[in-house]
C-alpha atoms as a PDB file:
ATOM      1  CA  MET A   1       5.217   0.752   9.522  1.00  0.00           C
ATOM      2  CA  CYS A   2       4.883  -3.351   9.308  1.00  0.00           C
ATOM      3  CA  PHE A   3       2.266  -5.226   7.343  1.00  0.00           C
ATOM      4  CA  ASP A   4       0.926  -8.341   7.587  1.00  0.00           C
ATOM      5  CA  THR A   5       2.305 -10.408   4.715  1.00  0.00           C
ATOM      6  CA  ASP A   6      -0.774 -11.124   3.112  1.00  0.00           C
ATOM      7  CA  ILE A   7      -1.312  -8.100   1.610  1.00  0.00           C
ATOM      8  CA  ASN A   8      -3.173  -8.085  -1.969  1.00  0.00           C
ATOM      9  CA  ARG A   9      -4.881  -5.358  -3.610  1.00  0.00           C
ATOM     10  CA  GLU A  10      -8.182  -6.407  -2.281  1.00  0.00           C
ATOM     11  CA  ARG A  11      -6.824  -5.753   1.393  1.00  0.00           C
ATOM     12  CA  LEU A  12      -4.949  -2.440   0.554  1.00  0.00           C
ATOM     13  CA  ASP A  13      -8.305  -1.120  -0.864  1.00  0.00           C
ATOM     14  CA  LYS A  14      -9.821  -1.900   2.273  1.00  0.00           C
ATOM     15  CA  LEU A  15      -7.338  -0.374   4.217  1.00  0.00           C
ATOM     16  CA  LYS A  16      -6.904   2.366   2.475  1.00  0.00           C
ATOM     17  CA  LYS A  17     -11.028   3.358   2.529  1.00  0.00           C
ATOM     18  CA  ARG A  18     -10.577   2.429   6.377  1.00  0.00           C
ATOM     19  CA  TYR A  19      -8.004   4.959   7.155  1.00  0.00           C
ATOM     20  CA  GLN A  20      -9.253   7.523   5.013  1.00  0.00           C
ATOM     21  CA  ALA A  21     -12.490   7.325   6.811  1.00  0.00           C
ATOM     22  CA  ASP A  22      -9.813   7.409  10.225  1.00  0.00           C
ATOM     23  CA  LEU A  23      -8.873  10.750   8.985  1.00  0.00           C
ATOM     24  CA  ASP A  24     -12.182  12.429   7.492  1.00  0.00           C
ATOM     25  CA  CYS A  25     -13.250  11.834  11.036  1.00  0.00           C
ATOM     26  CA  ALA A  26     -10.209  13.100  12.405  1.00  0.00           C
ATOM     27  CA  LEU A  27     -10.988  16.012  10.101  1.00  0.00           C
ATOM     28  CA  LYS A  28     -14.020  16.517  11.608  1.00  0.00           C
ATOM     29  CA  ASN A  29     -12.958  16.694  14.944  1.00  0.00           C
ATOM     30  CA  ASP A  30     -13.299  20.318  16.979  1.00  0.00           C
ATOM     31  CA  HIS A  31     -10.939  19.394  19.647  1.00  0.00           C
ATOM     32  CA  GLU A  32      -7.920  21.328  18.293  1.00  0.00           C
ATOM     33  CA  GLU A  33      -4.891  19.963  19.475  1.00  0.00           C
ATOM     34  CA  ASN A  34      -6.180  16.256  19.905  1.00  0.00           C
ATOM     35  CA  SER A  35      -7.362  16.975  16.077  1.00  0.00           C
ATOM     36  CA  ALA A  36      -4.236  17.609  14.718  1.00  0.00           C
ATOM     37  CA  ARG A  37      -2.597  14.940  16.180  1.00  0.00           C
ATOM     38  CA  TRP A  38      -5.304  12.306  14.738  1.00  0.00           C
ATOM     39  CA  VAL A  39      -4.793  14.216  11.108  1.00  0.00           C
ATOM     40  CA  GLU A  40      -1.273  13.487  11.179  1.00  0.00           C
ATOM     41  CA  PHE A  41      -1.349   9.988  12.631  1.00  0.00           C
ATOM     42  CA  ASN A  42      -3.517   9.025   9.919  1.00  0.00           C
ATOM     43  CA  THR A  43      -2.331  11.273   7.139  1.00  0.00           C
ATOM     44  CA  ASN A  44       1.015   9.062   8.060  1.00  0.00           C
ATOM     45  CA  ARG A  45      -0.599   5.796   8.261  1.00  0.00           C
ATOM     46  CA  LEU A  46      -2.098   6.759   4.439  1.00  0.00           C
ATOM     47  CA  ASN A  47       1.262   7.790   3.019  1.00  0.00           C
ATOM     48  CA  ASP A  48       2.826   4.639   4.625  1.00  0.00           C
ATOM     49  CA  LEU A  49       0.463   2.228   3.296  1.00  0.00           C
ATOM     50  CA  PRO A  50       2.483  -0.245   0.125  1.00  0.00           C
ATOM     51  CA  GLN A  51       2.186   1.609  -3.751  1.00  0.00           C
ATOM     52  CA  PRO A  52       1.776  -1.696  -5.642  1.00  0.00           C
ATOM     53  CA  SER A  53       4.376  -2.592  -8.315  1.00  0.00           C
ATOM     54  CA  CYS A  54       6.385  -5.209  -9.695  1.00  0.00           C
ATOM     55  CA  SER A  55       9.421  -3.952  -7.291  1.00  0.00           C
ATOM     56  CA  ASN A  56       7.501  -5.002  -4.022  1.00  0.00           C
ATOM     57  CA  CYS A  57       5.635  -8.350  -5.097  1.00  0.00           C
ATOM     58  CA  ILE A  58       6.330 -11.295  -3.679  1.00  0.00           C
ATOM     59  CA  HIS A  59       6.243 -12.803  -7.234  1.00  0.00           C
ATOM     60  CA  LEU A  60       9.030 -10.652  -8.566  1.00  0.00           C
ATOM     61  CA  GLN A  61      12.309 -12.215  -9.389  1.00  0.00           C
ATOM     62  CA  THR A  62      15.976 -12.135 -10.866  1.00  0.00           C
ATOM     63  CA  ALA A  63      16.096  -9.788 -13.712  1.00  0.00           C
ATOM     64  CA  MET A  64      12.320  -8.156 -13.039  1.00  0.00           C
ATOM     65  CA  ARG A  65      10.816 -11.631 -14.455  1.00  0.00           C
ATOM     66  CA  CYS A  66       7.631 -12.251 -13.052  1.00  0.00           C
ATOM     67  CA  ARG A  67       7.445 -15.829 -11.716  1.00  0.00           C
ATOM     68  CA  LEU A  68       3.550 -15.902 -12.573  1.00  0.00           C
ATOM     69  CA  ALA A  69       3.453 -14.152 -16.226  1.00  0.00           C
ATOM     70  CA  GLY A  70       7.057 -16.156 -16.740  1.00  0.00           C
ATOM     71  CA  ALA A  71       8.529 -12.908 -18.302  1.00  0.00           C
ATOM     72  CA  VAL A  72       9.582  -9.187 -17.871  1.00  0.00           C
ATOM     73  CA  PRO A  73       6.206  -7.356 -17.442  1.00  0.00           C
ATOM     74  CA  PRO A  74       5.206  -4.071 -19.835  1.00  0.00           C
ATOM     75  CA  PRO A  75       6.666  -0.621 -18.256  1.00  0.00           C
ATOM     76  CA  GLU A  76       3.130   0.279 -17.252  1.00  0.00           C
ATOM     77  CA  VAL A  77       2.468  -3.154 -14.487  1.00  0.00           C
ATOM     78  CA  ILE A  78       6.281  -2.768 -13.270  1.00  0.00           C
ATOM     79  CA  GLU A  79       5.313   0.711 -11.885  1.00  0.00           C
ATOM     80  CA  ASN A  80       1.305   0.293 -10.748  1.00  0.00           C
ATOM     81  CA  GLY A  81       1.347  -3.589 -10.844  1.00  0.00           C
ATOM     82  CA  CYS A  82      -0.995  -6.239 -11.443  1.00  0.00           C
ATOM     83  CA  GLU A  83      -4.074  -7.694 -10.045  1.00  0.00           C
ATOM     84  CA  ALA A  84      -1.917 -10.958  -8.824  1.00  0.00           C
ATOM     85  CA  TRP A  85       0.289  -8.308  -6.812  1.00  0.00           C
ATOM     86  CA  VAL A  86       0.660  -9.128  -3.140  1.00  0.00           C
ATOM     87  CA  PHE A  87       3.073  -7.541  -1.155  1.00  0.00           C
ATOM     88  CA  ASP A  88       6.421  -8.709   0.065  1.00  0.00           C
ATOM     89  CA  ASP A  89       7.414  -6.653   2.538  1.00  0.00           C
ATOM     90  CA  ILE A  90      10.985  -6.708   2.137  1.00  0.00           C
ATOM     91  CA  PRO A  91      12.655  -2.773   2.301  1.00  0.00           C
ATOM     92  CA  PHE A  92      15.067  -3.339  -0.246  1.00  0.00           C
END
């Protein structure tokens, strides 16, 4: 899935809420065949959202250094990103 380049934590939270609401609506649908397709579609949308981490942040520089902090972040920040996280949309 391709995202805009301006996905930050606030926008990601809004997307998660919207996609979850769509999934909840699909789960309540009475039309079996249509509902199964919508559940799958909305589940995939939720699963395809980026997970914040330093490895997919625009602020990451070489040697795992953060451009904003000017240092290597601690392990828990590397895994979960920080409040300044912005998705870089580079697939590697």
